Amino acid sequence: MTNLIKTIGTCAITLLFATSFTSFSTTFEAGKHYRVVAEKKTSTPELTEYFSYY
């Protein structure tokens, strides 16, 4: 039972640190991290598909 509590505690602390550090790196810039597809709206709705393997 003690091993289970230690394992769950270790996983919780690891998850806490992993989510803290990734939240600081979520500042995306147009032209650097992504491309703006269109500035103006089209007269008819269009569907654009994009797949990222980055």
C-alpha atoms as a PDB file:
ATOM      1  CA  MET A   1       0.000   0.000   0.000  1.00  0.00           C
ATOM      2  CA  THR A   2       2.883   2.366   0.800  1.00  0.00           C
ATOM      3  CA  ASN A   3       4.430   1.739  -2.615  1.00  0.00           C
ATOM      4  CA  LEU A   4       1.133   2.626  -4.301  1.00  0.00           C
ATOM      5  CA  ILE A   5       0.902   5.918  -2.411  1.00  0.00           C
ATOM      6  CA  LYS A   6       4.515   6.777  -3.301  1.00  0.00           C
ATOM      7  CA  THR A   7       3.893   5.942  -6.968  1.00  0.00           C
ATOM      8  CA  ILE A   8       0.726   8.045  -7.141  1.00  0.00           C
ATOM      9  CA  GLY A   9       2.470  10.928  -5.361  1.00  0.00           C
ATOM     10  CA  THR A  10       5.430  10.785  -7.727  1.00  0.00           C
ATOM     11  CA  CYS A  11       3.118  10.770 -10.758  1.00  0.00           C
ATOM     12  CA  ALA A  12       1.127  13.720  -9.394  1.00  0.00           C
ATOM     13  CA  ILE A  13       4.257  15.793  -8.748  1.00  0.00           C
ATOM     14  CA  THR A  14       5.651  14.939 -12.195  1.00  0.00           C
ATOM     15  CA  LEU A  15       2.377  15.944 -13.848  1.00  0.00           C
ATOM     16  CA  LEU A  16       2.292  19.181 -11.859  1.00  0.00           C
ATOM     17  CA  PHE A  17       5.793  20.161 -12.973  1.00  0.00           C
ATOM     18  CA  ALA A  18       5.158  19.107 -16.588  1.00  0.00           C
ATOM     19  CA  THR A  19       2.054  21.284 -16.871  1.00  0.00           C
ATOM     20  CA  SER A  20       3.750  24.251 -15.174  1.00  0.00           C
ATOM     21  CA  PHE A  21       6.679  24.364 -17.559  1.00  0.00           C
ATOM     22  CA  THR A  22       4.630  23.891 -20.726  1.00  0.00           C
ATOM     23  CA  SER A  23       2.276  26.761 -19.851  1.00  0.00           C
ATOM     24  CA  PHE A  24       5.165  29.240 -20.128  1.00  0.00           C
ATOM     25  CA  SER A  25       6.023  28.213 -23.688  1.00  0.00           C
ATOM     26  CA  THR A  26       2.630  28.822 -25.296  1.00  0.00           C
ATOM     27  CA  THR A  27       3.263  32.231 -26.850  1.00  0.00           C
ATOM     28  CA  PHE A  28       2.775  31.809 -30.587  1.00  0.00           C
ATOM     29  CA  GLU A  29       3.590  34.509 -33.152  1.00  0.00           C
ATOM     30  CA  ALA A  30       2.048  34.962 -36.594  1.00  0.00           C
ATOM     31  CA  GLY A  31       4.576  34.343 -39.339  1.00  0.00           C
ATOM     32  CA  LYS A  32       6.919  32.477 -37.014  1.00  0.00           C
ATOM     33  CA  HIS A  33       4.762  29.677 -35.604  1.00  0.00           C
ATOM     34  CA  TYR A  34       1.746  29.858 -37.874  1.00  0.00           C
ATOM     35  CA  ARG A  35       0.524  31.517 -41.068  1.00  0.00           C
ATOM     36  CA  VAL A  36      -2.647  33.602 -41.315  1.00  0.00           C
ATOM     37  CA  VAL A  37      -4.682  32.033 -44.099  1.00  0.00           C
ATOM     38  CA  ALA A  38      -6.869  34.977 -45.140  1.00  0.00           C
ATOM     39  CA  GLU A  39      -7.378  38.517 -43.903  1.00  0.00           C
ATOM     40  CA  LYS A  40     -10.813  38.972 -45.494  1.00  0.00           C
ATOM     41  CA  LYS A  41     -13.830  36.707 -45.265  1.00  0.00           C
ATOM     42  CA  THR A  42     -15.044  34.960 -48.415  1.00  0.00           C
ATOM     43  CA  SER A  43     -18.578  35.367 -49.727  1.00  0.00           C
ATOM     44  CA  THR A  44     -19.230  31.618 -49.408  1.00  0.00           C
ATOM     45  CA  PRO A  45     -18.027  29.363 -46.592  1.00  0.00           C
ATOM     46  CA  GLU A  46     -14.872  27.385 -47.372  1.00  0.00           C
ATOM     47  CA  LEU A  47     -13.332  24.395 -45.662  1.00  0.00           C
ATOM     48  CA  THR A  48      -9.550  24.326 -45.353  1.00  0.00           C
ATOM     49  CA  GLU A  49      -7.743  21.279 -44.023  1.00  0.00           C
ATOM     50  CA  TYR A  50      -4.284  21.479 -42.505  1.00  0.00           C
ATOM     51  CA  PHE A  51      -2.143  18.734 -41.044  1.00  0.00           C
ATOM     52  CA  SER A  52       0.946  19.468 -39.027  1.00  0.00           C
ATOM     53  CA  TYR A  53       3.696  16.921 -38.571  1.00  0.00           C
ATOM     54  CA  TYR A  54       5.945  19.351 -36.686  1.00  0.00           C
END
